[in-house]
Amino acid sequence: MSLLPFRLSVCGVGELDGFAGAGVSHVLSILDPYTPVPAAFARFAPHRRVDFRFHDVVEGDGWDVPIPGAAEVAEVIAFGRALAEDAVDHLLVHCFAGVSRSTASAAILLSLAHPGREEDVFATLAEIRPRSWPNSAMIGHADRLLDRKGRLVAAMKAHHRRVAVDHPDLVAVIRNVGRGHEVPA
């Protein structure tokens, strides 16, 4: 099921080389602050890239690092709106592991294009990146900014439940990074 008129891929930094010859026209890149731009981009054909720098955390308590806030999510939304005015062949969204920040961004972009189809958004995300755990803070901000009245968050939680069953190893990772509250009971 394709919700976009162009190809959408999600990956981690270690997978970028595999997209160098894949006709990527646009990149949404999310890295930790002070992480250098991946060298793999030098092997890509000319493309439009937007870079974001924040950590993959969901709560500010106890963290002295940039976290994804409403301003960062508003910038992702602005990027998505700009895509509607651009000739996009293939959008690549990546973060360090291709699991959380990138999948949240992909879900936000899909949701922006399809209001009211939140369940379809996460079904599409599961097809694109089955082993995904969208950052709940980012999805929460997007839900509010896009006035989805909790539907985007509810669809994300249903996605998390499905992924927890299919990828229990990912659940252990999510718990180990202090995000156990996102794991369904």
Protein backbone atom coordinates (compact mmCIF):
# COMPACT_ATOMS: atom_id res chain seq x y z
CA MET A 1 0.00 0.00 0.00
CA SER A 2 1.65 3.24 -1.07
CA LEU A 3 0.50 6.45 0.53
CA LEU A 4 2.97 8.65 -1.33
CA PRO A 5 3.46 9.37 -5.02
CA PHE A 6 7.17 8.60 -4.67
CA ARG A 7 9.37 5.91 -3.18
CA LEU A 8 10.03 6.21 0.57
CA SER A 9 12.90 4.35 2.25
CA VAL A 10 14.10 4.33 5.85
CA CYS A 11 17.53 3.22 7.01
CA GLY A 12 20.32 3.57 9.51
CA VAL A 13 23.75 5.09 8.90
CA GLY A 14 25.29 1.67 8.30
CA GLU A 15 22.88 1.10 5.40
CA LEU A 16 23.43 4.39 3.54
CA ASP A 17 25.93 2.93 1.05
CA GLY A 18 23.18 0.64 -0.23
CA PHE A 19 21.19 3.69 -1.35
CA ALA A 20 24.02 5.47 -3.19
CA GLY A 21 22.79 4.18 -6.58
CA ALA A 22 19.09 3.97 -5.72
CA GLY A 23 17.94 7.22 -7.32
CA VAL A 24 17.49 9.08 -4.04
CA SER A 25 16.38 12.63 -4.81
CA HIS A 26 15.69 13.83 -1.26
CA VAL A 27 17.11 12.94 2.17
CA LEU A 28 15.87 13.71 5.66
CA SER A 29 18.92 13.05 7.83
CA ILE A 30 18.75 12.85 11.64
CA LEU A 31 21.93 12.44 13.62
CA ASP A 32 23.15 13.10 17.12
CA PRO A 33 24.72 16.52 17.57
CA TYR A 34 28.40 16.66 16.60
CA THR A 35 28.16 13.51 14.48
CA PRO A 36 29.82 14.21 11.13
CA VAL A 37 27.83 14.06 7.92
CA PRO A 38 28.11 10.46 6.70
CA ALA A 39 30.72 10.01 3.97
CA ALA A 40 28.26 7.86 2.01
CA PHE A 41 26.44 10.99 0.82
CA ALA A 42 29.45 11.85 -1.36
CA ARG A 43 28.56 8.76 -3.43
CA PHE A 44 24.91 9.79 -3.91
CA ALA A 45 23.73 11.54 -7.05
CA PRO A 46 22.86 15.19 -6.45
CA HIS A 47 20.01 15.33 -3.95
CA ARG A 48 18.23 17.73 -1.64
CA ARG A 49 19.08 16.99 1.98
CA VAL A 50 17.88 18.49 5.23
CA ASP A 51 19.88 17.71 8.37
CA PHE A 52 18.49 17.53 11.89
CA ARG A 53 20.60 17.17 15.03
CA PHE A 54 19.04 15.79 18.19
CA HIS A 55 19.29 12.70 20.35
CA ASP A 56 16.85 9.80 20.38
CA VAL A 57 15.33 10.43 23.77
CA VAL A 58 11.70 10.97 24.63
CA GLU A 59 11.91 12.81 27.94
CA GLY A 60 14.16 15.63 29.06
CA ASP A 61 14.38 14.52 32.70
CA GLY A 62 17.94 13.58 33.54
CA TRP A 63 19.21 14.21 30.01
CA ASP A 64 21.44 17.15 29.23
CA VAL A 65 21.15 16.63 25.47
CA PRO A 66 19.06 18.08 22.65
CA ILE A 67 15.82 16.13 22.45
CA PRO A 68 13.22 16.26 19.71
CA GLY A 69 10.78 18.98 20.70
CA ALA A 70 7.83 20.64 19.03
CA ALA A 71 10.16 22.96 17.10
CA GLU A 72 12.09 20.06 15.56
CA VAL A 73 8.87 18.25 14.65
CA ALA A 74 7.49 21.46 13.14
CA GLU A 75 10.61 21.54 10.95
CA VAL A 76 9.96 17.94 9.83
CA ILE A 77 6.39 18.95 8.99
CA ALA A 78 7.66 22.00 7.06
CA PHE A 79 10.02 19.72 5.11
CA GLY A 80 7.06 17.45 4.32
CA ARG A 81 4.98 20.36 3.10
CA ALA A 82 7.87 21.54 0.92
CA LEU A 83 8.06 18.05 -0.62
CA ALA A 84 4.57 18.59 -2.01
CA GLU A 85 5.98 21.46 -4.08
CA ASP A 86 9.07 19.58 -5.27
CA ALA A 87 9.74 16.84 -7.81
CA VAL A 88 10.47 13.89 -5.54
CA ASP A 89 11.46 10.53 -6.99
CA HIS A 90 12.80 8.79 -3.91
CA LEU A 91 12.88 10.10 -0.34
CA LEU A 92 15.33 8.50 2.07
CA VAL A 93 14.84 9.11 5.79
CA HIS A 94 17.65 8.00 8.08
CA CYS A 95 18.91 8.23 11.63
CA PHE A 96 21.68 6.33 13.37
CA ALA A 97 19.92 2.95 13.58
CA GLY A 98 16.94 3.47 11.30
CA VAL A 99 14.58 2.48 14.11
CA SER A 100 13.19 5.44 16.03
CA ARG A 101 13.81 9.03 14.90
CA SER A 102 13.72 8.14 11.22
CA THR A 103 10.60 5.99 11.50
CA ALA A 104 8.84 8.71 13.50
CA SER A 105 9.76 11.20 10.79
CA ALA A 106 8.53 8.86 8.05
CA ALA A 107 5.24 8.37 9.92
CA ILE A 108 4.87 12.14 10.34
CA LEU A 109 5.43 12.69 6.61
CA LEU A 110 2.94 9.96 5.71
CA SER A 111 0.42 11.35 8.19
CA LEU A 112 0.84 14.85 6.84
CA ALA A 113 -0.07 13.59 3.39
CA HIS A 114 -3.02 11.52 4.66
CA PRO A 115 -4.97 13.06 7.52
CA GLY A 116 -7.44 10.67 9.09
CA ARG A 117 -5.58 7.57 7.89
CA GLU A 118 -3.35 7.04 10.91
CA GLU A 119 -3.74 3.25 10.92
CA ASP A 120 -2.77 3.14 7.22
CA VAL A 121 0.24 5.34 7.99
CA PHE A 122 1.62 2.79 10.46
CA ALA A 123 0.69 -0.16 8.22
CA THR A 124 2.74 1.48 5.47
CA LEU A 125 5.57 2.15 7.90
CA ALA A 126 5.54 -1.53 8.89
CA GLU A 127 5.89 -2.48 5.21
CA ILE A 128 8.77 -0.04 4.69
CA ARG A 129 10.59 -0.76 7.95
CA PRO A 130 9.18 -3.76 9.85
CA ARG A 131 11.71 -3.41 12.68
CA SER A 132 10.70 0.09 13.71
CA TRP A 133 9.90 1.84 16.99
CA PRO A 134 8.91 5.44 16.26
CA ASN A 135 10.05 7.99 18.83
CA SER A 136 6.95 8.65 20.94
CA ALA A 137 7.89 12.25 21.78
CA MET A 138 8.10 13.12 18.09
CA ILE A 139 4.78 11.42 17.34
CA GLY A 140 3.15 13.17 20.31
CA HIS A 141 4.32 16.57 19.08
CA ALA A 142 3.13 15.77 15.55
CA ASP A 143 -0.26 14.65 16.87
CA ARG A 144 -0.70 18.03 18.56
CA LEU A 145 0.77 20.14 15.74
CA LEU A 146 -1.38 18.40 13.12
CA ASP A 147 -4.44 18.44 15.42
CA ARG A 148 -4.95 14.68 15.20
CA LYS A 149 -6.64 14.55 18.63
CA GLY A 150 -4.66 11.52 19.83
CA ARG A 151 -5.26 9.37 16.75
CA LEU A 152 -1.63 9.46 15.63
CA VAL A 153 -0.42 8.50 19.12
CA ALA A 154 -3.00 5.70 19.35
CA ALA A 155 -1.93 4.31 15.96
CA MET A 156 1.72 4.46 17.05
CA LYS A 157 0.92 2.55 20.25
CA ALA A 158 -0.85 -0.15 18.20
CA HIS A 159 2.24 -0.29 15.97
CA HIS A 160 4.47 -0.65 19.04
CA ARG A 161 2.30 -3.56 20.24
CA ARG A 162 2.67 -5.37 16.91
CA VAL A 163 6.42 -4.75 16.74
CA ALA A 164 6.86 -5.94 20.34
CA VAL A 165 5.42 -9.31 19.33
CA ASP A 166 7.37 -9.60 16.08
CA HIS A 167 10.69 -8.20 17.35
CA PRO A 168 11.20 -8.94 21.05
CA ASP A 169 14.90 -8.15 20.64
CA LEU A 170 13.93 -4.57 19.82
CA VAL A 171 11.83 -4.38 23.00
CA ALA A 172 14.96 -5.22 25.01
CA VAL A 173 16.85 -2.41 23.27
CA ILE A 174 14.05 0.09 23.93
CA ARG A 175 14.02 -0.86 27.62
CA ASN A 176 17.82 -0.63 27.83
CA VAL A 177 17.85 2.94 26.54
CA GLY A 178 15.43 4.09 29.24
CA ARG A 179 12.25 4.02 27.18
CA GLY A 180 10.59 1.07 28.85
CA HIS A 181 7.44 3.10 29.43
CA GLU A 182 6.83 2.87 25.66
CA VAL A 183 6.72 -0.94 25.80
CA PRO A 184 3.16 -2.28 25.99
CA ALA A 185 2.29 -4.24 29.12
